[in-house]
Amino acid sequence: MPNNDLIDAESALTLADYTSPALIVPYLRGLDAPTIIQELSALLQREGRITDLLPFYQAALNREYLCSTVTEPGFALPHVLVKGIDKPSFALGRTPKPIAWVRNTLLRVRVVFLLSVPETDARPYIMLIRGVARLSEEAELLEELLKAKDSFEITNLLRQVKLPMNRASTADRIPPI
C-alpha cells in the first residue's frame, strides 16, 4: 500500500514552475520601487502573464505604499490579485546594490518577486510565499542567487526550492505554468 503522505521529489512543484528565464532580470535598471515594479510588470505583460499593464502596475505600487512587503533577507514581495487568470506567476529581479524600498526602513532590498495571483484562489499564493520563505532560510542558496550570472542560473537555483504541499491538497495539485 503506497504512502500518500510522501510526495515524489521529482514531481514536487518548485519556485521555478511559476516563472521562466524571460521573467527574471539579474540586473534591474530601476533604483526604486516604482521603476522596478514597472520593469517587472512589463515583463509579465510581454510574456502573457497579465493583460492590462497599467492597472496591474498601479495596484502593485499602491499596495506597496499602503503596506510594504519588504522582509528579511532583503526581499520585496509585491503582489496583485488578478481577475481572469487561473495560474499564479512571478517576475524576479535583483538590484546591483541594496536599495531603500517604499518606506523609511532600515531593511534594504536586493531581490524583488512581483507576483500575479489568481483573484479567486489563495492556495497558489500561499504556496509561493511559503516557497520564498524557504528560500530566505537557505543561506547557501541565497548567496548563489545573489551571485548568479544570468536568468538561467537563477532559474536553476529556483528549481531547488520545493514548494510545501498540504497533505490534503496533493490530489488537487495546481499544475505548473
Protein backbone atom coordinates (compact mmCIF):
# COMPACT_ATOMS: atom_id res chain seq x y z
CA MET A 1 0.00 0.00 0.00
CA PRO A 2 1.56 3.36 -1.06
CA ASN A 3 2.20 6.06 1.50
CA ASN A 4 0.08 9.06 0.44
CA ASP A 5 1.93 11.32 2.90
CA LEU A 6 5.08 11.23 0.78
CA ILE A 7 5.49 13.40 -2.27
CA ASP A 8 7.73 12.19 -5.05
CA ALA A 9 10.65 14.64 -5.13
CA GLU A 10 10.68 14.50 -8.92
CA SER A 11 7.05 15.64 -9.17
CA ALA A 12 7.03 18.25 -6.38
CA LEU A 13 6.49 21.80 -7.58
CA THR A 14 9.31 24.31 -7.22
CA LEU A 15 9.54 28.09 -7.36
CA ALA A 16 10.82 27.74 -10.94
CA ASP A 17 7.48 26.24 -12.01
CA TYR A 18 5.86 29.68 -11.66
CA THR A 19 8.34 31.77 -13.63
CA SER A 20 10.71 31.46 -16.59
CA PRO A 21 14.11 32.83 -17.60
CA ALA A 22 12.27 35.51 -19.61
CA LEU A 23 10.71 36.76 -16.36
CA ILE A 24 14.00 37.09 -14.49
CA VAL A 25 16.17 40.21 -14.51
CA PRO A 26 19.60 39.57 -12.96
CA TYR A 27 20.46 43.30 -13.06
CA LEU A 28 17.48 45.61 -12.63
CA ARG A 29 17.81 49.08 -14.14
CA GLY A 30 15.42 50.66 -11.65
CA LEU A 31 16.69 52.08 -8.38
CA ASP A 32 13.39 52.44 -6.53
CA ALA A 33 10.08 50.63 -6.08
CA PRO A 34 8.10 52.44 -8.83
CA THR A 35 10.67 51.84 -11.57
CA ILE A 36 11.38 48.25 -10.51
CA ILE A 37 7.69 47.36 -10.33
CA GLN A 38 7.21 48.94 -13.78
CA GLU A 39 10.14 46.97 -15.21
CA LEU A 40 8.89 43.65 -13.83
CA SER A 41 5.24 44.39 -14.72
CA ALA A 42 6.24 44.99 -18.34
CA LEU A 43 7.89 41.54 -18.41
CA LEU A 44 4.75 39.88 -17.06
CA GLN A 45 2.69 41.56 -19.78
CA ARG A 46 5.18 40.76 -22.56
CA GLU A 47 5.16 37.09 -21.55
CA GLY A 48 1.35 36.97 -21.48
CA ARG A 49 1.04 36.50 -17.72
CA ILE A 50 -1.07 39.68 -17.33
CA THR A 51 -3.08 41.60 -19.92
CA ASP A 52 -3.52 45.13 -18.56
CA LEU A 53 -0.16 46.64 -17.67
CA LEU A 54 -1.23 49.97 -16.17
CA PRO A 55 -3.89 48.68 -13.73
CA PHE A 56 -1.55 45.88 -12.64
CA TYR A 57 1.34 48.30 -12.10
CA GLN A 58 -0.84 50.76 -10.18
CA ALA A 59 -2.31 48.01 -7.97
CA ALA A 60 1.15 46.63 -7.13
CA LEU A 61 2.59 50.04 -6.36
CA ASN A 62 -0.44 51.20 -4.35
CA ARG A 63 -0.30 48.04 -2.29
CA GLU A 64 3.39 48.61 -1.52
CA TYR A 65 2.70 52.17 -0.38
CA LEU A 66 -0.16 51.01 1.85
CA CYS A 67 1.75 48.12 3.40
CA SER A 68 5.27 47.35 2.31
CA THR A 69 6.11 43.70 1.64
CA VAL A 70 9.82 44.02 2.45
CA THR A 71 11.11 41.12 4.50
CA GLU A 72 14.37 39.51 5.54
CA PRO A 73 16.79 38.81 3.90
CA GLY A 74 16.15 41.88 1.73
CA PHE A 75 13.24 40.59 -0.36
CA ALA A 76 10.29 42.63 -1.58
CA LEU A 77 7.17 40.64 -2.47
CA PRO A 78 4.73 42.98 -4.22
CA HIS A 79 1.69 41.13 -5.47
CA VAL A 80 -1.60 41.73 -7.25
CA LEU A 81 -4.78 39.68 -7.26
CA VAL A 82 -5.76 39.45 -10.92
CA LYS A 83 -9.17 38.64 -12.41
CA GLY A 84 -9.25 36.15 -15.22
CA ILE A 85 -6.07 34.20 -14.56
CA ASP A 86 -6.08 30.70 -13.15
CA LYS A 87 -2.36 30.21 -12.53
CA PRO A 88 0.00 32.37 -10.48
CA SER A 89 3.31 33.55 -11.83
CA PHE A 90 6.08 35.89 -10.84
CA ALA A 91 8.83 38.03 -12.27
CA LEU A 92 12.05 38.27 -10.28
CA GLY A 93 14.68 40.97 -10.32
CA ARG A 94 17.92 41.67 -8.47
CA THR A 95 19.35 45.06 -7.68
CA PRO A 96 23.11 45.68 -8.07
CA LYS A 97 23.22 47.22 -4.57
CA PRO A 98 20.75 47.15 -1.68
CA ILE A 99 18.12 49.87 -2.11
CA ALA A 100 15.53 51.58 0.07
CA TRP A 101 12.08 50.38 -0.98
CA VAL A 102 8.91 52.47 -0.38
CA ARG A 103 9.22 53.35 3.27
CA ASN A 104 11.93 54.63 5.52
CA THR A 105 13.11 51.34 6.89
CA LEU A 106 16.48 50.05 7.85
CA LEU A 107 15.89 46.90 5.79
CA ARG A 108 17.18 47.25 2.23
CA VAL A 109 16.03 45.26 -0.80
CA ARG A 110 18.20 43.16 -3.14
CA VAL A 111 15.63 40.77 -4.66
CA VAL A 112 12.09 41.57 -5.83
CA PHE A 113 9.45 38.94 -6.53
CA LEU A 114 6.48 40.56 -8.35
CA LEU A 115 3.60 38.10 -8.13
CA SER A 116 0.49 37.87 -10.28
CA VAL A 117 -2.04 35.81 -8.33
CA PRO A 118 -5.50 34.49 -9.26
CA GLU A 119 -8.14 36.57 -7.53
CA THR A 120 -10.31 33.57 -6.73
CA ASP A 121 -7.84 31.10 -5.19
CA ALA A 122 -5.36 31.96 -2.41
CA ARG A 123 -3.74 28.49 -2.27
CA PRO A 124 -1.20 29.11 -5.04
CA TYR A 125 -0.21 32.44 -3.50
CA ILE A 126 0.27 30.86 -0.09
CA MET A 127 2.38 28.07 -1.62
CA LEU A 128 4.59 30.62 -3.40
CA ILE A 129 5.06 32.73 -0.28
CA ARG A 130 5.97 29.63 1.71
CA GLY A 131 8.47 28.69 -1.02
CA VAL A 132 10.04 32.16 -0.91
CA ALA A 133 10.22 31.85 2.88
CA ARG A 134 12.09 28.56 2.46
CA LEU A 135 14.50 30.24 0.06
CA SER A 136 15.09 33.05 2.56
CA GLU A 137 16.18 30.47 5.15
CA GLU A 138 18.75 28.77 2.89
CA ALA A 139 21.94 30.85 3.31
CA GLU A 140 23.89 28.94 0.66
CA LEU A 141 21.14 29.24 -1.96
CA LEU A 142 20.71 32.93 -1.14
CA GLU A 143 24.38 33.58 -1.74
CA GLU A 144 24.22 31.69 -5.04
CA LEU A 145 21.09 33.64 -6.01
CA LEU A 146 22.88 36.95 -5.47
CA LYS A 147 25.94 35.78 -7.44
CA ALA A 148 24.19 34.01 -10.34
CA LYS A 149 25.34 35.40 -13.68
CA ASP A 150 22.12 35.15 -15.67
CA SER A 151 18.44 34.29 -15.63
CA PHE A 152 19.13 30.64 -16.46
CA GLU A 153 21.36 30.19 -13.40
CA ILE A 154 18.72 31.87 -11.25
CA THR A 155 16.01 29.60 -12.68
CA ASN A 156 18.12 26.53 -11.87
CA LEU A 157 18.51 27.76 -8.29
CA LEU A 158 14.74 28.26 -8.00
CA ARG A 159 14.29 24.62 -9.08
CA GLN A 160 16.00 23.63 -5.85
CA VAL A 161 13.28 25.24 -3.73
CA LYS A 162 10.45 22.73 -3.38
CA LEU A 163 7.06 24.18 -2.60
CA PRO A 164 5.41 22.85 0.52
CA MET A 165 2.24 20.94 -0.15
CA ASN A 166 -0.54 20.29 2.32
CA ARG A 167 -1.13 16.57 2.58
CA ALA A 168 -4.82 17.14 1.92
CA SER A 169 -4.11 19.03 -1.29
CA THR A 170 -1.81 16.57 -3.03
CA ALA A 171 -4.72 15.13 -5.01
CA ASP A 172 -5.76 18.51 -6.42
CA ARG A 173 -2.30 19.87 -7.14
CA ILE A 174 -2.05 23.09 -9.04
CA PRO A 175 -0.37 22.48 -12.39
CA PRO A 176 2.83 24.42 -13.12
CA ILE A 177 2.83 27.23 -15.65
